[in-house]
Amino acid sequence: SGLGSIVPATFDVVDYAEHATGQGSDATAVAYVETTSGSTVMWGVGLDPNTITASLRAVLNAVERHSR
């Protein structure tokens, strides 16, 4: 099975935005991605203190929405 059974064959990230909520050590990154697969557009959102992790969570959230 693997990821190929749940992830669309191809998808593109067409837009990305990120901002912080809070300040200093209490800040949390919020990332937003817009993805397309064929003619289907989906958004994903990720939250995490680490900006890279927030971005990855946003992409995974969008991929999960494509698989529904």
N, C-alpha and C. Protein backbone atom coordinates (compact mmCIF):
# COMPACT_ATOMS: atom_id res chain seq x y z
N SER A 1 0.84 -1.18 0.00
CA SER A 1 0.00 0.00 0.00
C SER A 1 0.88 1.24 0.00
N GLY A 2 1.45 1.70 1.10
CA GLY A 2 2.34 2.87 1.12
C GLY A 2 1.59 4.17 0.91
N LEU A 3 2.34 5.25 0.78
CA LEU A 3 1.74 6.57 0.62
C LEU A 3 1.00 6.74 -0.69
N GLY A 4 1.38 6.00 -1.72
CA GLY A 4 0.72 6.12 -3.01
C GLY A 4 -0.77 5.84 -2.95
N SER A 5 -1.21 5.06 -1.96
CA SER A 5 -2.63 4.75 -1.86
C SER A 5 -3.43 5.87 -1.20
N ILE A 6 -2.76 6.81 -0.51
CA ILE A 6 -3.50 7.90 0.13
C ILE A 6 -3.12 9.28 -0.40
N VAL A 7 -1.99 9.42 -1.03
CA VAL A 7 -1.55 10.70 -1.56
C VAL A 7 -1.88 10.76 -3.04
N PRO A 8 -2.47 11.88 -3.51
CA PRO A 8 -2.71 11.99 -4.94
C PRO A 8 -1.41 11.75 -5.72
N ALA A 9 -1.53 11.24 -6.92
CA ALA A 9 -0.34 10.94 -7.73
C ALA A 9 0.56 12.17 -7.82
N THR A 10 -0.02 13.31 -8.07
CA THR A 10 0.76 14.56 -8.08
C THR A 10 -0.09 15.66 -7.47
N PHE A 11 0.57 16.56 -6.81
CA PHE A 11 -0.08 17.77 -6.35
C PHE A 11 0.98 18.86 -6.31
N ASP A 12 0.54 20.07 -6.46
CA ASP A 12 1.44 21.22 -6.48
C ASP A 12 1.08 22.17 -5.36
N VAL A 13 2.08 22.70 -4.70
CA VAL A 13 1.88 23.79 -3.74
C VAL A 13 1.94 25.07 -4.57
N VAL A 14 0.83 25.80 -4.61
CA VAL A 14 0.76 26.99 -5.45
C VAL A 14 0.81 28.29 -4.65
N ASP A 15 0.62 28.20 -3.35
CA ASP A 15 0.73 29.39 -2.51
C ASP A 15 1.12 28.96 -1.11
N TYR A 16 1.87 29.83 -0.44
CA TYR A 16 2.35 29.55 0.91
C TYR A 16 2.40 30.85 1.68
N ALA A 17 1.93 30.82 2.92
CA ALA A 17 2.02 31.98 3.80
C ALA A 17 2.29 31.48 5.21
N GLU A 18 2.94 32.32 5.97
CA GLU A 18 3.28 31.94 7.34
C GLU A 18 3.30 33.19 8.21
N HIS A 19 2.89 33.02 9.46
CA HIS A 19 3.02 34.10 10.43
C HIS A 19 3.15 33.51 11.82
N ALA A 20 3.52 34.34 12.76
CA ALA A 20 3.68 33.90 14.14
C ALA A 20 2.52 34.42 14.97
N THR A 21 2.11 33.61 15.93
CA THR A 21 1.15 34.07 16.93
C THR A 21 1.92 34.16 18.24
N GLY A 22 1.81 35.24 18.92
CA GLY A 22 2.57 35.44 20.14
C GLY A 22 3.94 36.00 19.84
N GLN A 23 4.74 36.15 20.90
CA GLN A 23 6.08 36.70 20.74
C GLN A 23 7.07 35.93 21.59
N GLY A 24 8.34 36.01 21.17
CA GLY A 24 9.41 35.38 21.93
C GLY A 24 9.27 33.88 22.04
N SER A 25 9.57 33.34 23.21
CA SER A 25 9.54 31.88 23.39
C SER A 25 8.12 31.33 23.39
N ASP A 26 7.11 32.20 23.50
CA ASP A 26 5.71 31.76 23.46
C ASP A 26 5.13 31.77 22.05
N ALA A 27 5.93 32.13 21.05
CA ALA A 27 5.43 32.24 19.68
C ALA A 27 5.15 30.86 19.08
N THR A 28 4.12 30.82 18.28
CA THR A 28 3.78 29.62 17.52
C THR A 28 3.68 30.02 16.06
N ALA A 29 4.27 29.22 15.19
CA ALA A 29 4.19 29.48 13.75
C ALA A 29 2.90 28.89 13.21
N VAL A 30 2.26 29.63 12.32
CA VAL A 30 1.08 29.15 11.61
C VAL A 30 1.41 29.22 10.13
N ALA A 31 1.31 28.09 9.44
CA ALA A 31 1.62 28.02 8.01
C ALA A 31 0.35 27.64 7.25
N TYR A 32 0.19 28.24 6.08
CA TYR A 32 -0.95 27.97 5.19
C TYR A 32 -0.40 27.60 3.82
N VAL A 33 -0.93 26.54 3.23
CA VAL A 33 -0.55 26.18 1.86
C VAL A 33 -1.80 25.98 1.03
N GLU A 34 -1.72 26.41 -0.22
CA GLU A 34 -2.76 26.14 -1.20
C GLU A 34 -2.17 25.12 -2.16
N THR A 35 -2.88 24.02 -2.37
CA THR A 35 -2.39 22.96 -3.25
C THR A 35 -3.43 22.65 -4.32
N THR A 36 -2.93 22.14 -5.44
CA THR A 36 -3.83 21.69 -6.51
C THR A 36 -3.45 20.28 -6.92
N SER A 37 -4.46 19.54 -7.28
CA SER A 37 -4.29 18.22 -7.86
C SER A 37 -5.33 18.14 -8.98
N GLY A 38 -4.86 18.25 -10.21
CA GLY A 38 -5.80 18.37 -11.33
C GLY A 38 -6.53 19.69 -11.20
N SER A 39 -7.85 19.64 -11.17
CA SER A 39 -8.64 20.87 -11.02
C SER A 39 -9.08 21.10 -9.58
N THR A 40 -8.66 20.23 -8.66
CA THR A 40 -9.06 20.33 -7.25
C THR A 40 -8.07 21.20 -6.48
N VAL A 41 -8.60 22.18 -5.78
CA VAL A 41 -7.78 23.06 -4.94
C VAL A 41 -8.11 22.77 -3.48
N MET A 42 -7.07 22.60 -2.67
CA MET A 42 -7.25 22.37 -1.24
C MET A 42 -6.27 23.24 -0.48
N TRP A 43 -6.68 23.64 0.71
CA TRP A 43 -5.83 24.40 1.61
C TRP A 43 -5.45 23.51 2.79
N GLY A 44 -4.27 23.75 3.32
CA GLY A 44 -3.84 23.08 4.54
C GLY A 44 -3.28 24.11 5.50
N VAL A 45 -3.45 23.84 6.78
CA VAL A 45 -2.96 24.73 7.83
C VAL A 45 -2.16 23.90 8.82
N GLY A 46 -1.03 24.44 9.27
CA GLY A 46 -0.22 23.76 10.28
C GLY A 46 0.21 24.73 11.35
N LEU A 47 0.21 24.26 12.61
CA LEU A 47 0.65 25.06 13.74
C LEU A 47 1.74 24.31 14.48
N ASP A 48 2.79 25.00 14.85
CA ASP A 48 3.86 24.40 15.63
C ASP A 48 4.82 25.51 16.04
N PRO A 49 5.49 25.37 17.17
CA PRO A 49 6.51 26.36 17.53
C PRO A 49 7.65 26.44 16.52
N ASN A 50 7.91 25.35 15.82
CA ASN A 50 8.97 25.29 14.82
C ASN A 50 8.37 25.61 13.45
N THR A 51 8.92 26.60 12.73
CA THR A 51 8.35 27.01 11.45
C THR A 51 8.41 25.91 10.39
N ILE A 52 9.46 25.12 10.40
CA ILE A 52 9.57 24.03 9.41
C ILE A 52 8.51 22.98 9.69
N THR A 53 8.32 22.64 10.95
CA THR A 53 7.30 21.64 11.30
C THR A 53 5.91 22.16 10.99
N ALA A 54 5.65 23.44 11.23
CA ALA A 54 4.35 24.02 10.90
C ALA A 54 4.09 23.92 9.40
N SER A 55 5.12 24.18 8.60
CA SER A 55 4.99 24.10 7.14
C SER A 55 4.68 22.67 6.70
N LEU A 56 5.41 21.71 7.25
CA LEU A 56 5.18 20.32 6.91
C LEU A 56 3.78 19.88 7.32
N ARG A 57 3.35 20.30 8.49
CA ARG A 57 1.98 19.96 8.93
C ARG A 57 0.93 20.53 7.98
N ALA A 58 1.17 21.73 7.48
CA ALA A 58 0.23 22.35 6.54
C ALA A 58 0.14 21.54 5.25
N VAL A 59 1.29 21.12 4.73
CA VAL A 59 1.30 20.31 3.50
C VAL A 59 0.60 18.97 3.75
N LEU A 60 0.91 18.33 4.86
CA LEU A 60 0.27 17.04 5.17
C LEU A 60 -1.24 17.20 5.35
N ASN A 61 -1.66 18.30 5.95
CA ASN A 61 -3.08 18.57 6.11
C ASN A 61 -3.76 18.71 4.76
N ALA A 62 -3.12 19.42 3.83
CA ALA A 62 -3.69 19.58 2.49
C ALA A 62 -3.76 18.25 1.76
N VAL A 63 -2.71 17.45 1.87
CA VAL A 63 -2.69 16.13 1.21
C VAL A 63 -3.80 15.25 1.77
N GLU A 64 -4.00 15.29 3.08
CA GLU A 64 -5.08 14.51 3.69
C GLU A 64 -6.42 14.95 3.14
N ARG A 65 -6.60 16.24 2.96
CA ARG A 65 -7.88 16.74 2.42
C ARG A 65 -8.07 16.30 0.97
N HIS A 66 -6.99 16.22 0.19
CA HIS A 66 -7.09 15.72 -1.19
C HIS A 66 -7.52 14.26 -1.23
N SER A 67 -7.16 13.50 -0.21
CA SER A 67 -7.43 12.06 -0.22
C SER A 67 -8.85 11.71 0.22
N ARG A 68 -9.60 12.69 0.65
CA ARG A 68 -11.00 12.42 1.11
C ARG A 68 -11.92 12.21 -0.05
